Amino acid sequence: MDAPFTSISFAPEKQSPLLFLCDHASNAVPAPYGDLGLSKALFQTHIAYDIGAADVAIALAQAYGAAALLGGVSRLLIDLNRGPGDPTLVMKLSDGSIIPGNRDADDAEVTRRLQQFHAPYHAAIREQMARIGKTAILISIHSFTPSWKSVARPWDVGVLYGRDQRLAVPLMKQLAMAGFIVGDNEPYTGALEGDTLDTHGTGTGHANVLIEIRQDFLTDADKAQAMAVRLKPIIDAALAEMER
């Protein structure tokens, strides 16, 4: 998957208002960039992509008959969940690993990657949002490591949001009722100016939420599918509560 993105088609008869996103779906790097000077083993870790997140996003989109857009290149090449001016757009160091292929990435190279990979992905989001219309709701799926800097993370699922809490608040409630340990804007904050949901959701008035799932729930495709099955009725209940 080294195209700018992969599109999962929707079922017109269901007329779902949902659009599922997975910014960090892929660990692929296009051939011209080689391996960015990194070992193959590192591309199987969280620094390259969000482990299991794509499987969950696809399963949920299929369950709803909704569209999904999956980022097609590794976050090591360019982070699709960052605004064009963000200093972490093209990382030169990630979780202690120097990225040799990014060391000399000057403004011209960053612009080239923006045009080739970042811009088409975000254009596709705008296209799908326009197709759905003003009722569109964005749900972005990510995953996080069970520990960070040797400190265990207690949350099963994190719910990230910025100014728009319409879906986040009922979703956190429903997750907790289902027995999950829920992170409220943990392990990261969702209030990141210029990120995907800020740009296409909060900034345009569309309800949105980012769901972070701890990666030990997603260690293989079967587990990811099972997590999607668990999440579906929880999301249903949160959407119903949001509409009241």
C-alpha atoms as a PDB file:
ATOM      1  CA  MET A   1       0.000   0.000   0.000  1.00  0.00           C
ATOM      2  CA  ASP A   2       2.298   2.762  -1.220  1.00  0.00           C
ATOM      3  CA  ALA A   3      -0.338   4.925  -2.929  1.00  0.00           C
ATOM      4  CA  PRO A   4      -1.246   8.148  -1.092  1.00  0.00           C
ATOM      5  CA  PHE A   5      -4.291   6.425   0.382  1.00  0.00           C
ATOM      6  CA  THR A   6      -6.611   3.457   0.101  1.00  0.00           C
ATOM      7  CA  SER A   7     -10.335   4.051  -0.225  1.00  0.00           C
ATOM      8  CA  ILE A   8     -12.917   1.637   1.170  1.00  0.00           C
ATOM      9  CA  SER A   9     -16.188   2.055  -0.714  1.00  0.00           C
ATOM     10  CA  PHE A  10     -19.512   2.800   0.945  1.00  0.00           C
ATOM     11  CA  ALA A  11     -22.957   1.253   0.564  1.00  0.00           C
ATOM     12  CA  PRO A  12     -25.247   3.932  -0.936  1.00  0.00           C
ATOM     13  CA  GLU A  13     -28.381   2.182   0.274  1.00  0.00           C
ATOM     14  CA  LYS A  14     -27.309   2.639   3.900  1.00  0.00           C
ATOM     15  CA  GLN A  15     -26.631   6.380   3.521  1.00  0.00           C
ATOM     16  CA  SER A  16     -24.240   6.359   6.465  1.00  0.00           C
ATOM     17  CA  PRO A  17     -23.150   9.787   7.720  1.00  0.00           C
ATOM     18  CA  LEU A  18     -19.933   8.253   9.037  1.00  0.00           C
ATOM     19  CA  LEU A  19     -16.507   8.525   7.464  1.00  0.00           C
ATOM     20  CA  PHE A  20     -13.803   6.359   9.028  1.00  0.00           C
ATOM     21  CA  LEU A  21     -10.194   7.470   8.823  1.00  0.00           C
ATOM     22  CA  CYS A  22      -6.918   5.790   9.623  1.00  0.00           C
ATOM     23  CA  ASP A  23      -4.070   8.253   9.141  1.00  0.00           C
ATOM     24  CA  HIS A  24      -1.367   5.799  10.229  1.00  0.00           C
ATOM     25  CA  ALA A  25      -2.689   2.682   8.504  1.00  0.00           C
ATOM     26  CA  SER A  26       0.444   1.788   6.546  1.00  0.00           C
ATOM     27  CA  ASN A  27       4.129   1.124   7.135  1.00  0.00           C
ATOM     28  CA  ALA A  28       4.911   1.377   3.415  1.00  0.00           C
ATOM     29  CA  VAL A  29       7.606   3.616   1.957  1.00  0.00           C
ATOM     30  CA  PRO A  30       7.630   4.134  -1.842  1.00  0.00           C
ATOM     31  CA  ALA A  31      10.622   2.672  -3.693  1.00  0.00           C
ATOM     32  CA  PRO A  32      12.361   5.990  -4.413  1.00  0.00           C
ATOM     33  CA  TYR A  33      12.838   6.468  -0.667  1.00  0.00           C
ATOM     34  CA  GLY A  34      14.171   2.970  -0.038  1.00  0.00           C
ATOM     35  CA  ASP A  35      14.042   2.057   3.624  1.00  0.00           C
ATOM     36  CA  LEU A  36      14.880   5.566   4.874  1.00  0.00           C
ATOM     37  CA  GLY A  37      18.054   4.019   6.248  1.00  0.00           C
ATOM     38  CA  LEU A  38      16.188   1.944   8.837  1.00  0.00           C
ATOM     39  CA  SER A  39      16.114  -1.778   9.531  1.00  0.00           C
ATOM     40  CA  LYS A  40      13.151  -3.829   8.354  1.00  0.00           C
ATOM     41  CA  ALA A  41      12.385  -4.694  11.962  1.00  0.00           C
ATOM     42  CA  LEU A  42      11.621  -1.069  12.815  1.00  0.00           C
ATOM     43  CA  PHE A  43       8.929  -0.982  10.140  1.00  0.00           C
ATOM     44  CA  GLN A  44       6.995  -3.576  12.138  1.00  0.00           C
ATOM     45  CA  THR A  45       6.869  -1.306  15.198  1.00  0.00           C
ATOM     46  CA  HIS A  46       4.716   1.604  16.283  1.00  0.00           C
ATOM     47  CA  ILE A  47       7.145   4.192  14.948  1.00  0.00           C
ATOM     48  CA  ALA A  48       6.186   3.190  11.393  1.00  0.00           C
ATOM     49  CA  TYR A  49       2.395   2.800  11.701  1.00  0.00           C
ATOM     50  CA  ASP A  50      -0.485   2.249  14.125  1.00  0.00           C
ATOM     51  CA  ILE A  51      -0.532  -1.511  14.615  1.00  0.00           C
ATOM     52  CA  GLY A  52      -3.982  -3.029  14.043  1.00  0.00           C
ATOM     53  CA  ALA A  53      -5.744   0.286  13.474  1.00  0.00           C
ATOM     54  CA  ALA A  54      -6.395  -0.276   9.769  1.00  0.00           C
ATOM     55  CA  ASP A  55      -8.109  -3.616  10.435  1.00  0.00           C
ATOM     56  CA  VAL A  56     -10.444  -1.978  12.944  1.00  0.00           C
ATOM     57  CA  ALA A  57     -11.230   0.945  10.648  1.00  0.00           C
ATOM     58  CA  ILE A  58     -12.019  -1.372   7.731  1.00  0.00           C
ATOM     59  CA  ALA A  59     -14.199  -3.663   9.852  1.00  0.00           C
ATOM     60  CA  LEU A  60     -16.190  -0.754  11.276  1.00  0.00           C
ATOM     61  CA  ALA A  61     -16.652   0.859   7.872  1.00  0.00           C
ATOM     62  CA  GLN A  62     -17.943  -2.414   6.472  1.00  0.00           C
ATOM     63  CA  ALA A  63     -20.272  -2.899   9.439  1.00  0.00           C
ATOM     64  CA  TYR A  64     -21.808   0.528   8.840  1.00  0.00           C
ATOM     65  CA  GLY A  65     -21.689   0.427   5.052  1.00  0.00           C
ATOM     66  CA  ALA A  66     -19.634   3.604   5.383  1.00  0.00           C
ATOM     67  CA  ALA A  67     -16.616   4.898   3.513  1.00  0.00           C
ATOM     68  CA  ALA A  68     -13.118   4.694   4.939  1.00  0.00           C
ATOM     69  CA  LEU A  69      -9.865   6.323   3.918  1.00  0.00           C
ATOM     70  CA  LEU A  70      -6.592   4.739   4.970  1.00  0.00           C
ATOM     71  CA  GLY A  71      -3.279   6.522   4.772  1.00  0.00           C
ATOM     72  CA  GLY A  72      -1.030   4.782   2.265  1.00  0.00           C
ATOM     73  CA  VAL A  73       2.467   5.644   3.480  1.00  0.00           C
ATOM     74  CA  SER A  74       4.373   5.284   6.714  1.00  0.00           C
ATOM     75  CA  ARG A  75       4.329   8.064   9.255  1.00  0.00           C
ATOM     76  CA  LEU A  76       8.134   7.833   9.022  1.00  0.00           C
ATOM     77  CA  LEU A  77       7.902   9.320   5.518  1.00  0.00           C
ATOM     78  CA  ILE A  78       5.288  11.942   6.353  1.00  0.00           C
ATOM     79  CA  ASP A  79       2.694  12.152   9.111  1.00  0.00           C
ATOM     80  CA  LEU A  80      -0.729  12.464   7.505  1.00  0.00           C
ATOM     81  CA  ASN A  81      -2.208  13.500  10.854  1.00  0.00           C
ATOM     82  CA  ARG A  82      -0.252  16.754  10.953  1.00  0.00           C
ATOM     83  CA  GLY A  83      -0.873  20.105   9.372  1.00  0.00           C
ATOM     84  CA  PRO A  84       1.434  21.202   6.525  1.00  0.00           C
ATOM     85  CA  GLY A  85       3.304  23.617   8.782  1.00  0.00           C
ATOM     86  CA  ASP A  86       3.748  21.272  11.736  1.00  0.00           C
ATOM     87  CA  PRO A  87       7.414  20.755  12.702  1.00  0.00           C
ATOM     88  CA  THR A  88       6.749  17.041  13.317  1.00  0.00           C
ATOM     89  CA  LEU A  89       5.394  16.490   9.794  1.00  0.00           C
ATOM     90  CA  VAL A  90       8.626  14.789   8.704  1.00  0.00           C
ATOM     91  CA  MET A  91      10.354  13.385  11.755  1.00  0.00           C
ATOM     92  CA  LYS A  92      14.132  13.083  12.001  1.00  0.00           C
ATOM     93  CA  LEU A  93      13.974  11.209  15.301  1.00  0.00           C
ATOM     94  CA  SER A  94      11.214   8.859  16.487  1.00  0.00           C
ATOM     95  CA  ASP A  95      11.203   7.132  19.872  1.00  0.00           C
ATOM     96  CA  GLY A  96      14.987   7.147  20.031  1.00  0.00           C
ATOM     97  CA  SER A  97      15.532   6.022  16.430  1.00  0.00           C
ATOM     98  CA  ILE A  98      17.289   8.443  14.087  1.00  0.00           C
ATOM     99  CA  ILE A  99      15.723   8.393  10.600  1.00  0.00           C
ATOM    100  CA  PRO A 100      18.658   8.791   8.193  1.00  0.00           C
ATOM    101  CA  GLY A 101      16.426   9.211   5.149  1.00  0.00           C
ATOM    102  CA  ASN A 102      14.867  12.298   6.711  1.00  0.00           C
ATOM    103  CA  ARG A 103      18.092  13.874   7.981  1.00  0.00           C
ATOM    104  CA  ASP A 104      18.544  16.041   4.899  1.00  0.00           C
ATOM    105  CA  ALA A 105      14.856  16.642   4.155  1.00  0.00           C
ATOM    106  CA  ASP A 106      14.853  20.375   3.432  1.00  0.00           C
ATOM    107  CA  ASP A 107      11.844  22.583   2.728  1.00  0.00           C
ATOM    108  CA  ALA A 108      11.788  21.517  -0.927  1.00  0.00           C
ATOM    109  CA  GLU A 109      11.719  17.835   0.005  1.00  0.00           C
ATOM    110  CA  VAL A 110       9.004  18.357   2.609  1.00  0.00           C
ATOM    111  CA  THR A 111       6.962  20.235  -0.013  1.00  0.00           C
ATOM    112  CA  ARG A 112       7.481  17.348  -2.445  1.00  0.00           C
ATOM    113  CA  ARG A 113       6.174  14.825   0.091  1.00  0.00           C
ATOM    114  CA  LEU A 114       3.248  17.085   0.925  1.00  0.00           C
ATOM    115  CA  GLN A 115       2.249  17.247  -2.734  1.00  0.00           C
ATOM    116  CA  GLN A 116       2.720  13.529  -3.428  1.00  0.00           C
ATOM    117  CA  PHE A 117       1.247  11.955  -0.306  1.00  0.00           C
ATOM    118  CA  HIS A 118      -0.311  14.385   2.156  1.00  0.00           C
ATOM    119  CA  ALA A 119      -2.363  16.561  -0.199  1.00  0.00           C
ATOM    120  CA  PRO A 120      -4.096  13.680  -2.073  1.00  0.00           C
ATOM    121  CA  TYR A 121      -5.143  12.042   1.200  1.00  0.00           C
ATOM    122  CA  HIS A 122      -6.653  15.228   2.560  1.00  0.00           C
ATOM    123  CA  ALA A 123      -8.282  16.026  -0.776  1.00  0.00           C
ATOM    124  CA  ALA A 124      -9.970  12.609  -0.614  1.00  0.00           C
ATOM    125  CA  ILE A 125     -11.276  13.415   2.871  1.00  0.00           C
ATOM    126  CA  ARG A 126     -12.746  16.687   1.621  1.00  0.00           C
ATOM    127  CA  GLU A 127     -14.341  14.851  -1.317  1.00  0.00           C
ATOM    128  CA  GLN A 128     -16.002  12.293   0.945  1.00  0.00           C
ATOM    129  CA  MET A 129     -17.166  14.984   3.378  1.00  0.00           C
ATOM    130  CA  ALA A 130     -18.724  16.906   0.513  1.00  0.00           C
ATOM    131  CA  ARG A 131     -20.430  13.716  -0.703  1.00  0.00           C
ATOM    132  CA  ILE A 132     -21.989  13.062   2.693  1.00  0.00           C
ATOM    133  CA  GLY A 133     -22.856  16.687   3.361  1.00  0.00           C
ATOM    134  CA  LYS A 134     -23.459  18.619   6.553  1.00  0.00           C
ATOM    135  CA  THR A 135     -24.465  15.496   8.509  1.00  0.00           C
ATOM    136  CA  ALA A 136     -20.999  13.952   8.064  1.00  0.00           C
ATOM    137  CA  ILE A 137     -19.319  12.564  11.193  1.00  0.00           C
ATOM    138  CA  LEU A 138     -15.614  11.745  11.266  1.00  0.00           C
ATOM    139  CA  ILE A 139     -14.287   8.803  13.286  1.00  0.00           C
ATOM    140  CA  SER A 140     -10.526   8.357  13.204  1.00  0.00           C
ATOM    141  CA  ILE A 141      -8.950   5.103  14.390  1.00  0.00           C
ATOM    142  CA  HIS A 142      -5.457   4.990  15.914  1.00  0.00           C
ATOM    143  CA  SER A 143      -3.577   2.675  18.272  1.00  0.00           C
ATOM    144  CA  PHE A 144      -1.041   3.172  21.039  1.00  0.00           C
ATOM    145  CA  THR A 145       1.664   1.140  22.741  1.00  0.00           C
ATOM    146  CA  PRO A 146       0.897  -0.595  26.061  1.00  0.00           C
ATOM    147  CA  SER A 147       3.783   1.251  27.707  1.00  0.00           C
ATOM    148  CA  TRP A 148       5.880   4.348  27.088  1.00  0.00           C
ATOM    149  CA  LYS A 149       9.390   4.850  28.424  1.00  0.00           C
ATOM    150  CA  SER A 150       8.888   1.650  30.472  1.00  0.00           C
ATOM    151  CA  VAL A 151       5.766   3.071  32.152  1.00  0.00           C
ATOM    152  CA  ALA A 152       2.594   1.022  31.649  1.00  0.00           C
ATOM    153  CA  ARG A 153      -0.368   2.844  30.178  1.00  0.00           C
ATOM    154  CA  PRO A 154      -3.539   1.982  32.111  1.00  0.00           C
ATOM    155  CA  TRP A 155      -6.109   2.832  29.457  1.00  0.00           C
ATOM    156  CA  ASP A 156      -7.732   0.241  27.206  1.00  0.00           C
ATOM    157  CA  VAL A 157      -9.082   2.884  24.856  1.00  0.00           C
ATOM    158  CA  GLY A 158      -8.447   6.599  24.589  1.00  0.00           C
ATOM    159  CA  VAL A 159     -10.966   9.122  23.293  1.00  0.00           C
ATOM    160  CA  LEU A 160      -9.329  12.192  21.805  1.00  0.00           C
ATOM    161  CA  TYR A 161     -11.079  15.425  20.931  1.00  0.00           C
ATOM    162  CA  GLY A 162     -10.568  19.156  20.582  1.00  0.00           C
ATOM    163  CA  ARG A 163     -13.213  21.840  20.975  1.00  0.00           C
ATOM    164  CA  ASP A 164     -15.966  19.599  19.626  1.00  0.00           C
ATOM    165  CA  GLN A 165     -17.082  17.185  22.363  1.00  0.00           C
ATOM    166  CA  ARG A 166     -20.451  16.183  20.890  1.00  0.00           C
ATOM    167  CA  LEU A 167     -19.445  12.608  20.151  1.00  0.00           C
ATOM    168  CA  ALA A 168     -16.483  12.263  22.505  1.00  0.00           C
ATOM    169  CA  VAL A 169     -18.457  12.711  25.735  1.00  0.00           C
ATOM    170  CA  PRO A 170     -21.153  10.090  25.060  1.00  0.00           C
ATOM    171  CA  LEU A 171     -18.547   7.756  23.578  1.00  0.00           C
ATOM    172  CA  MET A 172     -16.433   7.900  26.745  1.00  0.00           C
ATOM    173  CA  LYS A 173     -19.537   7.209  28.797  1.00  0.00           C
ATOM    174  CA  GLN A 174     -20.555   4.214  26.683  1.00  0.00           C
ATOM    175  CA  LEU A 175     -17.041   2.765  26.652  1.00  0.00           C
ATOM    176  CA  ALA A 176     -16.866   2.977  30.440  1.00  0.00           C
ATOM    177  CA  MET A 177     -20.290   1.340  30.754  1.00  0.00           C
ATOM    178  CA  ALA A 178     -19.004  -1.500  28.562  1.00  0.00           C
ATOM    179  CA  GLY A 179     -16.144  -2.115  30.987  1.00  0.00           C
ATOM    180  CA  PHE A 180     -13.260  -0.364  29.241  1.00  0.00           C
ATOM    181  CA  ILE A 181     -10.727   1.757  31.098  1.00  0.00           C
ATOM    182  CA  VAL A 182     -11.067   4.995  29.145  1.00  0.00           C
ATOM    183  CA  GLY A 183      -8.525   7.744  28.623  1.00  0.00           C
ATOM    184  CA  ASP A 184     -10.036  11.228  28.409  1.00  0.00           C
ATOM    185  CA  ASN A 185      -7.696  12.849  25.880  1.00  0.00           C
ATOM    186  CA  GLU A 186      -5.157  10.203  26.877  1.00  0.00           C
ATOM    187  CA  PRO A 187      -2.555   8.983  26.062  1.00  0.00           C
ATOM    188  CA  TYR A 188      -2.423  12.031  23.761  1.00  0.00           C
ATOM    189  CA  THR A 189      -4.421  15.196  23.424  1.00  0.00           C
ATOM    190  CA  GLY A 190      -6.873  15.587  20.574  1.00  0.00           C
ATOM    191  CA  ALA A 191      -6.564  19.367  20.674  1.00  0.00           C
ATOM    192  CA  LEU A 192      -3.821  19.593  18.059  1.00  0.00           C
ATOM    193  CA  GLU A 193      -4.271  22.546  15.753  1.00  0.00           C
ATOM    194  CA  GLY A 194      -4.079  21.595  12.105  1.00  0.00           C
ATOM    195  CA  ASP A 195      -4.387  17.840  12.586  1.00  0.00           C
ATOM    196  CA  THR A 196      -6.816  15.777  10.520  1.00  0.00           C
ATOM    197  CA  LEU A 197      -9.883  16.119  12.731  1.00  0.00           C
ATOM    198  CA  ASP A 198      -9.230  19.765  13.550  1.00  0.00           C
ATOM    199  CA  THR A 199      -8.991  20.523   9.833  1.00  0.00           C
ATOM    200  CA  HIS A 200     -11.852  18.433   8.460  1.00  0.00           C
ATOM    201  CA  GLY A 201     -14.105  18.159  11.527  1.00  0.00           C
ATOM    202  CA  THR A 202     -13.896  20.861  14.151  1.00  0.00           C
ATOM    203  CA  GLY A 203     -12.819  23.503  11.665  1.00  0.00           C
ATOM    204  CA  THR A 204     -15.783  22.792   9.390  1.00  0.00           C
ATOM    205  CA  GLY A 205     -18.409  22.203  12.097  1.00  0.00           C
ATOM    206  CA  HIS A 206     -18.659  18.432  11.685  1.00  0.00           C
ATOM    207  CA  ALA A 207     -18.831  16.148  14.714  1.00  0.00           C
ATOM    208  CA  ASN A 208     -15.685  14.111  15.107  1.00  0.00           C
ATOM    209  CA  VAL A 209     -13.721  11.888  17.451  1.00  0.00           C
ATOM    210  CA  LEU A 210     -10.433  10.003  17.501  1.00  0.00           C
ATOM    211  CA  ILE A 211     -10.396   6.529  19.048  1.00  0.00           C
ATOM    212  CA  GLU A 212      -7.036   5.245  20.321  1.00  0.00           C
ATOM    213  CA  ILE A 213      -6.898   1.495  21.048  1.00  0.00           C
ATOM    214  CA  ARG A 214      -4.122  -0.093  23.079  1.00  0.00           C
ATOM    215  CA  GLN A 215      -2.131  -2.336  20.766  1.00  0.00           C
ATOM    216  CA  ASP A 216      -2.287  -5.502  22.857  1.00  0.00           C
ATOM    217  CA  PHE A 217      -5.968  -5.646  21.849  1.00  0.00           C
ATOM    218  CA  LEU A 218      -4.873  -5.653  18.200  1.00  0.00           C
ATOM    219  CA  THR A 219      -1.947  -8.066  17.927  1.00  0.00           C
ATOM    220  CA  ASP A 220      -3.494  -9.953  15.014  1.00  0.00           C
ATOM    221  CA  ALA A 221      -6.328  -9.576  12.516  1.00  0.00           C
ATOM    222  CA  ASP A 222      -8.734 -11.739  14.529  1.00  0.00           C
ATOM    223  CA  LYS A 223      -8.251  -9.613  17.643  1.00  0.00           C
ATOM    224  CA  ALA A 224      -8.729  -6.438  15.642  1.00  0.00           C
ATOM    225  CA  GLN A 225     -11.948  -7.829  14.164  1.00  0.00           C
ATOM    226  CA  ALA A 226     -13.149  -8.761  17.651  1.00  0.00           C
ATOM    227  CA  MET A 227     -12.419  -5.239  18.884  1.00  0.00           C
ATOM    228  CA  ALA A 228     -14.412  -3.771  16.007  1.00  0.00           C
ATOM    229  CA  VAL A 229     -17.336  -6.036  16.915  1.00  0.00           C
ATOM    230  CA  ARG A 230     -17.153  -4.804  20.513  1.00  0.00           C
ATOM    231  CA  LEU A 231     -16.946  -1.167  19.455  1.00  0.00           C
ATOM    232  CA  LYS A 232     -19.888  -1.202  17.019  1.00  0.00           C
ATOM    233  CA  PRO A 233     -22.745  -1.196  19.597  1.00  0.00           C
ATOM    234  CA  ILE A 234     -20.810   1.259  21.759  1.00  0.00           C
ATOM    235  CA  ILE A 235     -20.495   3.691  18.861  1.00  0.00           C
ATOM    236  CA  ASP A 236     -24.184   3.110  18.017  1.00  0.00           C
ATOM    237  CA  ALA A 237     -25.195   4.087  21.551  1.00  0.00           C
ATOM    238  CA  ALA A 238     -22.921   7.136  21.558  1.00  0.00           C
ATOM    239  CA  LEU A 239     -24.315   8.336  18.229  1.00  0.00           C
ATOM    240  CA  ALA A 240     -27.876   7.882  19.484  1.00  0.00           C
ATOM    241  CA  GLU A 241     -27.075   9.836  22.652  1.00  0.00           C
ATOM    242  CA  MET A 242     -25.397  12.577  20.632  1.00  0.00           C
ATOM    243  CA  GLU A 243     -28.544  13.030  18.532  1.00  0.00           C
ATOM    244  CA  ARG A 244     -30.845  13.567  21.493  1.00  0.00           C
END
